[in-house]
C-alpha atoms as a PDB file:
ATOM      1  CA  MET A   1     -82.097 -53.566  81.819  1.00  0.00           C
ATOM      2  CA  SER A   2     -84.087 -56.654  80.037  1.00  0.00           C
ATOM      3  CA  THR A   3     -82.174 -56.591  77.315  1.00  0.00           C
ATOM      4  CA  ARG A   4     -83.078 -58.864  74.267  1.00  0.00           C
ATOM      5  CA  ILE A   5     -80.593 -61.966  74.003  1.00  0.00           C
ATOM      6  CA  ILE A   6     -80.593 -64.948  72.276  1.00  0.00           C
ATOM      7  CA  PHE A   7     -79.436 -68.378  74.096  1.00  0.00           C
ATOM      8  CA  ALA A   8     -77.998 -70.573  71.692  1.00  0.00           C
ATOM      9  CA  THR A   9     -78.971 -73.985  73.106  1.00  0.00           C
ATOM     10  CA  ASN A  10     -81.582 -76.702  72.197  1.00  0.00           C
ATOM     11  CA  ASN A  11     -81.986 -77.402  75.654  1.00  0.00           C
ATOM     12  CA  GLU A  12     -84.661 -76.767  77.544  1.00  0.00           C
ATOM     13  CA  ASN A  13     -83.793 -77.743  80.617  1.00  0.00           C
ATOM     14  CA  LYS A  14     -80.513 -74.994  80.326  1.00  0.00           C
ATOM     15  CA  VAL A  15     -83.347 -72.494  79.210  1.00  0.00           C
ATOM     16  CA  LYS A  16     -85.442 -72.910  82.330  1.00  0.00           C
ATOM     17  CA  GLU A  17     -82.536 -73.032  84.833  1.00  0.00           C
ATOM     18  CA  ILE A  18     -80.577 -69.870  83.285  1.00  0.00           C
ATOM     19  CA  ARG A  19     -84.274 -67.772  83.218  1.00  0.00           C
ATOM     20  CA  THR A  20     -84.681 -68.548  86.567  1.00  0.00           C
ATOM     21  CA  ALA A  21     -80.637 -67.575  87.632  1.00  0.00           C
ATOM     22  CA  VAL A  22     -81.093 -64.091  86.077  1.00  0.00           C
ATOM     23  CA  GLY A  23     -84.815 -63.308  86.926  1.00  0.00           C
ATOM     24  CA  ASP A  24     -86.334 -60.210  84.985  1.00  0.00           C
ATOM     25  CA  ALA A  25     -82.703 -58.823  84.132  1.00  0.00           C
ATOM     26  CA  LEU A  26     -82.819 -60.212  81.079  1.00  0.00           C
ATOM     27  CA  ASN A  27     -84.914 -61.212  78.282  1.00  0.00           C
ATOM     28  CA  ILE A  28     -83.499 -64.269  77.336  1.00  0.00           C
ATOM     29  CA  VAL A  29     -85.190 -65.985  74.053  1.00  0.00           C
ATOM     30  CA  SER A  30     -84.142 -69.785  73.328  1.00  0.00           C
ATOM     31  CA  LEU A  31     -83.376 -71.039  69.814  1.00  0.00           C
ATOM     32  CA  LYS A  32     -86.566 -72.550  69.621  1.00  0.00           C
ATOM     33  CA  GLU A  33     -88.662 -69.251  70.469  1.00  0.00           C
ATOM     34  CA  ALA A  34     -86.265 -67.721  67.844  1.00  0.00           C
ATOM     35  CA  GLY A  35     -87.022 -69.715  65.171  1.00  0.00           C
ATOM     36  CA  ILE A  36     -84.055 -71.383  64.799  1.00  0.00           C
ATOM     37  CA  ASP A  37     -83.885 -75.364  64.209  1.00  0.00           C
ATOM     38  CA  ILE A  38     -80.457 -76.518  64.013  1.00  0.00           C
ATOM     39  CA  ASP A  39     -78.131 -79.073  66.276  1.00  0.00           C
ATOM     40  CA  ILE A  40     -74.977 -76.787  66.681  1.00  0.00           C
ATOM     41  CA  PRO A  41     -72.196 -79.171  67.368  1.00  0.00           C
ATOM     42  CA  GLU A  42     -69.554 -79.905  69.915  1.00  0.00           C
ATOM     43  CA  PRO A  43     -66.376 -81.126  68.543  1.00  0.00           C
ATOM     44  CA  TRP A  44     -63.607 -79.535  70.802  1.00  0.00           C
ATOM     45  CA  ASP A  45     -62.334 -80.872  73.645  1.00  0.00           C
ATOM     46  CA  THR A  46     -62.634 -77.581  75.937  1.00  0.00           C
ATOM     47  CA  LEU A  47     -65.630 -76.209  77.853  1.00  0.00           C
ATOM     48  CA  GLU A  48     -64.387 -72.624  76.117  1.00  0.00           C
ATOM     49  CA  ALA A  49     -63.987 -73.667  72.328  1.00  0.00           C
ATOM     50  CA  ASN A  50     -67.238 -75.570  72.675  1.00  0.00           C
ATOM     51  CA  ALA A  51     -69.166 -72.725  74.245  1.00  0.00           C
ATOM     52  CA  THR A  52     -67.495 -70.148  71.748  1.00  0.00           C
ATOM     53  CA  GLU A  53     -68.789 -72.436  68.527  1.00  0.00           C
ATOM     54  CA  LYS A  54     -72.175 -72.519  69.774  1.00  0.00           C
ATOM     55  CA  SER A  55     -72.273 -68.546  69.997  1.00  0.00           C
ATOM     56  CA  THR A  56     -70.299 -67.826  66.828  1.00  0.00           C
ATOM     57  CA  THR A  57     -72.644 -70.075  65.230  1.00  0.00           C
ATOM     58  CA  ILE A  58     -75.830 -68.215  65.880  1.00  0.00           C
ATOM     59  CA  HIS A  59     -74.051 -64.463  65.469  1.00  0.00           C
ATOM     60  CA  ARG A  60     -73.168 -65.651  61.944  1.00  0.00           C
ATOM     61  CA  LEU A  61     -76.767 -66.806  61.433  1.00  0.00           C
ATOM     62  CA  THR A  62     -78.905 -63.959  63.267  1.00  0.00           C
ATOM     63  CA  GLY A  63     -75.945 -61.236  63.735  1.00  0.00           C
ATOM     64  CA  ASP A  64     -77.983 -60.551  67.192  1.00  0.00           C
ATOM     65  CA  ASN A  65     -76.542 -60.029  70.850  1.00  0.00           C
ATOM     66  CA  CYS A  66     -76.243 -64.149  72.126  1.00  0.00           C
ATOM     67  CA  PHE A  67     -74.663 -66.383  74.251  1.00  0.00           C
ATOM     68  CA  SER A  68     -74.160 -70.228  74.919  1.00  0.00           C
ATOM     69  CA  GLU A  69     -72.971 -72.347  77.629  1.00  0.00           C
ATOM     70  CA  ASP A  70     -71.269 -75.496  77.852  1.00  0.00           C
ATOM     71  CA  THR A  71     -70.880 -77.558  81.146  1.00  0.00           C
ATOM     72  CA  GLY A  72     -69.256 -80.675  82.083  1.00  0.00           C
ATOM     73  CA  LEU A  73     -69.160 -82.749  85.397  1.00  0.00           C
ATOM     74  CA  GLU A  74     -65.116 -82.911  85.810  1.00  0.00           C
ATOM     75  CA  VAL A  75     -64.364 -85.856  88.580  1.00  0.00           C
ATOM     76  CA  TYR A  76     -61.024 -85.953  89.726  1.00  0.00           C
ATOM     77  CA  ALA A  77     -60.404 -89.441  90.266  1.00  0.00           C
ATOM     78  CA  LEU A  78     -61.111 -90.061  86.484  1.00  0.00           C
ATOM     79  CA  ASN A  79     -58.643 -87.856  85.450  1.00  0.00           C
ATOM     80  CA  ASN A  80     -61.201 -84.967  85.330  1.00  0.00           C
ATOM     81  CA  GLU A  81     -63.871 -87.541  83.206  1.00  0.00           C
ATOM     82  CA  PRO A  82     -66.337 -86.817  81.667  1.00  0.00           C
ATOM     83  CA  GLY A  83     -65.650 -83.195  81.037  1.00  0.00           C
ATOM     84  CA  VAL A  84     -66.446 -82.003  77.365  1.00  0.00           C
ATOM     85  CA  LEU A  85     -68.453 -85.523  77.070  1.00  0.00           C
ATOM     86  CA  SER A  86     -70.806 -85.211  79.710  1.00  0.00           C
ATOM     87  CA  ALA A  87     -73.793 -85.385  77.450  1.00  0.00           C
ATOM     88  CA  ARG A  88     -72.531 -88.326  75.752  1.00  0.00           C
ATOM     89  CA  TYR A  89     -69.997 -89.943  78.115  1.00  0.00           C
ATOM     90  CA  ALA A  90     -72.266 -93.452  77.416  1.00  0.00           C
ATOM     91  CA  GLY A  91     -72.836 -92.565  73.652  1.00  0.00           C
ATOM     92  CA  GLU A  92     -74.732 -90.060  71.321  1.00  0.00           C
ATOM     93  CA  GLN A  93     -78.239 -90.863  72.486  1.00  0.00           C
ATOM     94  CA  LYS A  94     -77.051 -88.697  75.116  1.00  0.00           C
ATOM     95  CA  SER A  95     -79.502 -90.796  77.687  1.00  0.00           C
ATOM     96  CA  SER A  96     -78.608 -89.216  81.752  1.00  0.00           C
ATOM     97  CA  ARG A  97     -79.764 -92.622  82.894  1.00  0.00           C
ATOM     98  CA  ASP A  98     -76.663 -94.493  80.819  1.00  0.00           C
ATOM     99  CA  ASN A  99     -74.096 -91.677  81.256  1.00  0.00           C
ATOM    100  CA  ILE A 100     -74.814 -91.714  85.347  1.00  0.00           C
ATOM    101  CA  ALA A 101     -74.238 -95.694  85.286  1.00  0.00           C
ATOM    102  CA  LYS A 102     -71.349 -95.681  83.275  1.00  0.00           C
ATOM    103  CA  LEU A 103     -69.966 -92.907  85.617  1.00  0.00           C
ATOM    104  CA  LEU A 104     -70.391 -94.816  89.082  1.00  0.00           C
ATOM    105  CA  ASP A 105     -69.435 -97.743  87.313  1.00  0.00           C
ATOM    106  CA  ARG A 106     -66.107 -96.490  86.273  1.00  0.00           C
ATOM    107  CA  LEU A 107     -65.508 -94.544  89.386  1.00  0.00           C
ATOM    108  CA  GLY A 108     -66.734 -98.041  91.548  1.00  0.00           C
ATOM    109  CA  ARG A 109     -65.108 -98.103  95.163  1.00  0.00           C
ATOM    110  CA  LYS A 110     -62.732 -95.269  94.949  1.00  0.00           C
ATOM    111  CA  PRO A 111     -62.483 -93.502  97.786  1.00  0.00           C
ATOM    112  CA  ASP A 112     -62.052 -90.067  96.711  1.00  0.00           C
ATOM    113  CA  ARG A 113     -65.077 -89.303  95.107  1.00  0.00           C
ATOM    114  CA  ARG A 114     -64.546 -85.274  94.607  1.00  0.00           C
ATOM    115  CA  ALA A 115     -65.799 -83.623  91.818  1.00  0.00           C
ATOM    116  CA  ARG A 116     -66.900 -80.463  90.419  1.00  0.00           C
ATOM    117  CA  PHE A 117     -69.730 -78.991  87.962  1.00  0.00           C
ATOM    118  CA  ARG A 118     -67.690 -76.126  84.959  1.00  0.00           C
ATOM    119  CA  THR A 119     -69.945 -73.937  83.214  1.00  0.00           C
ATOM    120  CA  VAL A 120     -68.668 -71.747  80.580  1.00  0.00           C
ATOM    121  CA  ILE A 121     -70.752 -69.191  78.841  1.00  0.00           C
ATOM    122  CA  SER A 122     -69.353 -67.247  75.830  1.00  0.00           C
ATOM    123  CA  LEU A 123     -71.271 -64.308  75.101  1.00  0.00           C
ATOM    124  CA  ILE A 124     -71.468 -62.224  71.710  1.00  0.00           C
ATOM    125  CA  PHE A 125     -72.391 -58.761  72.609  1.00  0.00           C
ATOM    126  CA  ASP A 126     -71.939 -56.461  69.748  1.00  0.00           C
ATOM    127  CA  GLY A 127     -69.806 -58.265  67.671  1.00  0.00           C
ATOM    128  CA  LYS A 128     -66.991 -59.262  70.673  1.00  0.00           C
ATOM    129  CA  GLU A 129     -66.691 -62.312  72.639  1.00  0.00           C
ATOM    130  CA  HIS A 130     -66.788 -62.399  76.505  1.00  0.00           C
ATOM    131  CA  LEU A 131     -65.914 -65.788  78.493  1.00  0.00           C
ATOM    132  CA  PHE A 132     -67.883 -65.766  82.290  1.00  0.00           C
ATOM    133  CA  GLU A 133     -66.826 -69.440  84.126  1.00  0.00           C
ATOM    134  CA  GLY A 134     -69.091 -71.034  86.675  1.00  0.00           C
ATOM    135  CA  ILE A 135     -67.746 -73.706  89.287  1.00  0.00           C
ATOM    136  CA  CYS A 136     -69.529 -75.726  91.483  1.00  0.00           C
ATOM    137  CA  GLU A 137     -67.622 -78.014  93.531  1.00  0.00           C
ATOM    138  CA  GLY A 138     -69.259 -81.308  95.119  1.00  0.00           C
ATOM    139  CA  HIS A 139     -68.576 -85.341  95.433  1.00  0.00           C
ATOM    140  CA  ILE A 140     -70.812 -87.928  93.732  1.00  0.00           C
ATOM    141  CA  LEU A 141     -72.583 -90.018  96.085  1.00  0.00           C
ATOM    142  CA  GLN A 142     -72.896 -93.654  96.023  1.00  0.00           C
ATOM    143  CA  THR A 143     -75.974 -93.850  93.885  1.00  0.00           C
ATOM    144  CA  PRO A 144     -78.772 -92.280  92.345  1.00  0.00           C
ATOM    145  CA  GLU A 145     -81.076 -90.176  94.562  1.00  0.00           C
ATOM    146  CA  GLY A 146     -84.227 -87.125  94.090  1.00  0.00           C
ATOM    147  CA  GLU A 147     -86.281 -86.642  90.902  1.00  0.00           C
ATOM    148  CA  SER A 148     -85.728 -82.871  90.298  1.00  0.00           C
ATOM    149  CA  GLY A 149     -82.780 -81.427  87.852  1.00  0.00           C
ATOM    150  CA  PHE A 150     -81.442 -83.274  84.626  1.00  0.00           C
ATOM    151  CA  GLY A 151     -78.218 -84.812  83.259  1.00  0.00           C
ATOM    152  CA  TYR A 152     -76.046 -85.601  86.195  1.00  0.00           C
ATOM    153  CA  ASP A 153     -77.931 -84.385  89.394  1.00  0.00           C
ATOM    154  CA  PRO A 154     -78.968 -87.289  91.179  1.00  0.00           C
ATOM    155  CA  ILE A 155     -75.753 -88.419  91.911  1.00  0.00           C
ATOM    156  CA  PHE A 156     -74.042 -84.857  92.386  1.00  0.00           C
ATOM    157  CA  ALA A 157     -73.900 -83.233  96.030  1.00  0.00           C
ATOM    158  CA  PRO A 158     -72.451 -79.529  96.220  1.00  0.00           C
ATOM    159  CA  GLU A 159     -69.773 -78.949  98.946  1.00  0.00           C
ATOM    160  CA  GLY A 160     -71.458 -78.920 102.241  1.00  0.00           C
ATOM    161  CA  GLU A 161     -74.428 -80.750 101.445  1.00  0.00           C
ATOM    162  CA  ASN A 162     -75.153 -84.324 101.598  1.00  0.00           C
ATOM    163  CA  VAL A 163     -78.413 -84.260  99.376  1.00  0.00           C
ATOM    164  CA  SER A 164     -78.052 -84.224  95.616  1.00  0.00           C
ATOM    165  CA  PHE A 165     -79.325 -81.638  93.110  1.00  0.00           C
ATOM    166  CA  ALA A 166     -82.163 -83.705  92.493  1.00  0.00           C
ATOM    167  CA  ARG A 167     -83.487 -83.698  95.897  1.00  0.00           C
ATOM    168  CA  MET A 168     -83.048 -79.639  95.782  1.00  0.00           C
ATOM    169  CA  SER A 169     -85.457 -77.175  94.933  1.00  0.00           C
ATOM    170  CA  PRO A 170     -84.400 -74.790  92.169  1.00  0.00           C
ATOM    171  CA  GLU A 171     -84.091 -71.931  94.614  1.00  0.00           C
ATOM    172  CA  GLU A 172     -81.689 -74.422  96.946  1.00  0.00           C
ATOM    173  CA  LYS A 173     -79.849 -75.199  93.416  1.00  0.00           C
ATOM    174  CA  ASN A 174     -79.428 -72.058  92.340  1.00  0.00           C
ATOM    175  CA  GLY A 175     -77.521 -71.388  95.722  1.00  0.00           C
ATOM    176  CA  HIS A 176     -75.039 -73.428  94.569  1.00  0.00           C
ATOM    177  CA  SER A 177     -75.046 -73.880  90.693  1.00  0.00           C
ATOM    178  CA  HIS A 178     -72.389 -73.478  88.217  1.00  0.00           C
ATOM    179  CA  ARG A 179     -74.580 -72.032  85.940  1.00  0.00           C
ATOM    180  CA  ARG A 180     -75.608 -69.640  88.435  1.00  0.00           C
ATOM    181  CA  LYS A 181     -72.461 -68.413  88.977  1.00  0.00           C
ATOM    182  CA  ALA A 182     -71.650 -68.482  85.435  1.00  0.00           C
ATOM    183  CA  ALA A 183     -74.769 -65.964  84.736  1.00  0.00           C
ATOM    184  CA  ASP A 184     -74.445 -63.592  87.442  1.00  0.00           C
ATOM    185  CA  GLN A 185     -71.247 -62.783  85.790  1.00  0.00           C
ATOM    186  CA  LEU A 186     -73.111 -62.296  82.378  1.00  0.00           C
ATOM    187  CA  VAL A 187     -75.733 -59.806  83.433  1.00  0.00           C
ATOM    188  CA  SER A 188     -73.275 -58.255  86.140  1.00  0.00           C
ATOM    189  CA  PHE A 189     -71.065 -57.663  82.715  1.00  0.00           C
ATOM    190  CA  LEU A 190     -74.456 -56.549  80.517  1.00  0.00           C
ATOM    191  CA  ARG A 191     -75.411 -54.131  83.613  1.00  0.00           C
ATOM    192  CA  GLN A 192     -72.129 -52.319  83.830  1.00  0.00           C
ATOM    193  CA  ILE A 193     -71.769 -51.519  79.747  1.00  0.00           C
ATOM    194  CA  SER A 194     -75.435 -50.416  79.491  1.00  0.00           C
ATOM    195  CA  LYS A 195     -75.138 -47.942  82.471  1.00  0.00           C
END
């Protein structure tokens, strides 16, 4: 199939992860590769609205089929914080290290360490929007571990595992990944409509 589609993100880690998730089913073009140099704001208080903001912005600019995603880490004992503020939880500098430190400090010794990653993909295809959601349940570790991945990966262990995403290979992480689950739905949808 290999449909060409713009991924509305400047985050190269996300581009890499989505490409790993979809394989050669889609020809994913990053904003950089499409020659688009803008930072799209994420002003809304839901993942869905932020994902829509990004995809509609790029669709308006290019007229091309495109998709975006917004992902949040939701920690149950913190009323689902950091949620939509995951990337800038500790400030606009978007430092993963600072975000992790703030989260571990806020969580302290709370016994309930359940959390989930949630990804919402907004696809605009032939001018129509379609939303897909992927969820990975898990828990927050006491201390960061591992060097792989990005964001909160060093402190998040998916359900059934005792090691963090940051200690897993890309293939192992993909076996659990919220982003992979949403991407699978995206690919499945595009396969159906292009039959």
